[in-house]
Structure formats: structure tokens, C-alpha cells
C-alpha atoms as a PDB file:
ATOM      1  CA  MET A   1       5.479  -1.575 -13.265  1.00  0.00           C
ATOM      2  CA  ALA A   2       6.746   0.129 -10.338  1.00  0.00           C
ATOM      3  CA  LEU A   3       6.783  -1.867  -7.154  1.00  0.00           C
ATOM      4  CA  PHE A   4       5.795   0.705  -3.837  1.00  0.00           C
ATOM      5  CA  ASN A   5       5.619  -0.127  -0.051  1.00  0.00           C
ATOM      6  CA  VAL A   6       3.308   1.759   1.269  1.00  0.00           C
ATOM      7  CA  THR A   7       3.353   2.379   5.172  1.00  0.00           C
ATOM      8  CA  HIS A   8       0.181   3.535   7.526  1.00  0.00           C
ATOM      9  CA  GLN A   9       2.640   5.181   9.750  1.00  0.00           C
ATOM     10  CA  PRO A  10       0.568   5.418  12.659  1.00  0.00           C
ATOM     11  CA  SER A  11       0.116   1.325  13.299  1.00  0.00           C
ATOM     12  CA  GLY A  12       3.615   0.531  11.224  1.00  0.00           C
ATOM     13  CA  ARG A  13       1.730  -1.569   8.781  1.00  0.00           C
ATOM     14  CA  THR A  14       2.737  -2.039   5.397  1.00  0.00           C
ATOM     15  CA  LEU A  15       1.245  -3.073   1.919  1.00  0.00           C
ATOM     16  CA  HIS A  16       3.376  -4.035  -0.958  1.00  0.00           C
ATOM     17  CA  ILE A  17       2.731  -2.526  -3.667  1.00  0.00           C
ATOM     18  CA  ARG A  18       2.998  -3.267  -7.701  1.00  0.00           C
ATOM     19  CA  ALA A  19       1.348  -0.020  -9.480  1.00  0.00           C
ATOM     20  CA  ALA A  20       2.061   2.193 -12.344  1.00  0.00           C
ATOM     21  CA  CYS A  21       2.331   5.521 -10.120  1.00  0.00           C
ATOM     22  CA  ARG A  22       2.700   6.920  -6.142  1.00  0.00           C
ATOM     23  CA  THR A  23      -1.108   7.919  -6.745  1.00  0.00           C
ATOM     24  CA  CYS A  24      -2.024   4.086  -8.150  1.00  0.00           C
ATOM     25  CA  ALA A  25      -0.255   2.314  -5.161  1.00  0.00           C
ATOM     26  CA  ARG A  26      -2.042   4.726  -2.545  1.00  0.00           C
ATOM     27  CA  ARG A  27      -5.879   3.688  -4.530  1.00  0.00           C
ATOM     28  CA  ILE A  28      -4.825  -0.131  -4.544  1.00  0.00           C
ATOM     29  CA  ALA A  29      -3.800   0.672  -0.399  1.00  0.00           C
ATOM     30  CA  VAL A  30      -7.046   2.340  -0.064  1.00  0.00           C
ATOM     31  CA  GLU A  31      -9.129  -0.586  -1.963  1.00  0.00           C
ATOM     32  CA  HIS A  32      -7.455  -3.201  -0.318  1.00  0.00           C
ATOM     33  CA  ILE A  33      -8.115  -1.823   3.218  1.00  0.00           C
ATOM     34  CA  ALA A  34     -11.555  -1.049   2.684  1.00  0.00           C
ATOM     35  CA  PRO A  35     -13.340  -4.448   3.433  1.00  0.00           C
ATOM     36  CA  THR A  36     -11.996  -4.807   6.787  1.00  0.00           C
ATOM     37  CA  GLY A  37     -11.609  -1.011   7.897  1.00  0.00           C
ATOM     38  CA  PRO A  38     -11.563   2.504   7.580  1.00  0.00           C
ATOM     39  CA  THR A  39     -10.192   3.987   4.400  1.00  0.00           C
ATOM     40  CA  ALA A  40      -9.443   7.580   5.295  1.00  0.00           C
ATOM     41  CA  PRO A  41      -6.211   7.063   7.101  1.00  0.00           C
ATOM     42  CA  TRP A  42      -4.537   5.356   4.497  1.00  0.00           C
ATOM     43  CA  ARG A  43      -5.776   8.425   2.079  1.00  0.00           C
ATOM     44  CA  ASP A  44      -3.936  10.832   4.113  1.00  0.00           C
ATOM     45  CA  PRO A  45      -0.418  11.777   3.141  1.00  0.00           C
ATOM     46  CA  GLU A  46      -0.367  12.775   6.720  1.00  0.00           C
ATOM     47  CA  GLN A  47      -0.762   9.425   7.373  1.00  0.00           C
ATOM     48  CA  THR A  48       1.168   7.501   5.127  1.00  0.00           C
ATOM     49  CA  ARG A  49       4.307   7.003   3.060  1.00  0.00           C
ATOM     50  CA  VAL A  50       4.666   5.766  -0.531  1.00  0.00           C
ATOM     51  CA  ASP A  51       8.257   5.110  -1.193  1.00  0.00           C
ATOM     52  CA  PHE A  52       9.368   3.124  -4.617  1.00  0.00           C
ATOM     53  CA  VAL A  53      11.004   0.431  -3.577  1.00  0.00           C
ATOM     54  CA  GLY A  54      12.102  -0.897  -7.458  1.00  0.00           C
ATOM     55  CA  SER A  55      10.263  -2.624 -10.608  1.00  0.00           C
ATOM     56  CA  GLY A  56       9.057  -5.729 -11.959  1.00  0.00           C
ATOM     57  CA  ASP A  57       6.567  -7.053 -14.345  1.00  0.00           C
ATOM     58  CA  GLY A  58       3.033  -8.763 -13.261  1.00  0.00           C
ATOM     59  CA  PRO A  59      -0.165  -7.233 -13.213  1.00  0.00           C
ATOM     60  CA  SER A  60      -0.942  -4.105 -10.195  1.00  0.00           C
ATOM     61  CA  GLY A  61      -2.230  -4.827  -6.852  1.00  0.00           C
ATOM     62  CA  VAL A  62      -0.995  -5.778  -3.004  1.00  0.00           C
ATOM     63  CA  LEU A  63       1.826  -8.119  -3.116  1.00  0.00           C
ATOM     64  CA  THR A  64       1.899  -8.341   0.835  1.00  0.00           C
ATOM     65  CA  ASP A  65       0.751  -6.523   4.018  1.00  0.00           C
ATOM     66  CA  SER A  66       2.446  -6.809   7.058  1.00  0.00           C
ATOM     67  CA  GLN A  67      -0.471  -7.425   9.466  1.00  0.00           C
ATOM     68  CA  THR A  68      -1.597 -10.266   7.368  1.00  0.00           C
ATOM     69  CA  GLU A  69       1.826 -12.018   7.759  1.00  0.00           C
ATOM     70  CA  ARG A  70       2.235 -11.720  11.483  1.00  0.00           C
ATOM     71  CA  THR A  71       1.543 -14.614  13.911  1.00  0.00           C
END
């Protein structure tokens, strides 16, 4: 399965996601953000980038979130 970085450009927050496609990666990002904040910016291709970074085995989902890694 493909690995993507989904980045909210205004804030710089990046989610590292395993998903089948770019659209799936954006959907997973929105689902991850939904409990904690507004999802509209993450749905907007003008405000977010989805970059393919490789492939790997495992189930789809958020692998890391740059916001939760900060101390």
C-alpha cells in the first residue's frame, strides 16, 4: 500500500498516512482531524498537499501526526 504525507500548508502540520490512493489519504486525514478541529481546510486542495513518499505493508491509516510529536 502507498505511503503519503498530507500537509496542511498554512500550519505546516503533516500526517504520514498509509492508503490506497491520494484521495483515500486525504479522506483518512479528514477523519483523523474531525474529532479535534475543523476539517474543511484538510478537504481543500488549495490548503493541503498530498505527496507520495513510498510504499509499505500494513493496514491503511495515520502512521504519525507532526502535531502530536511536538513537545
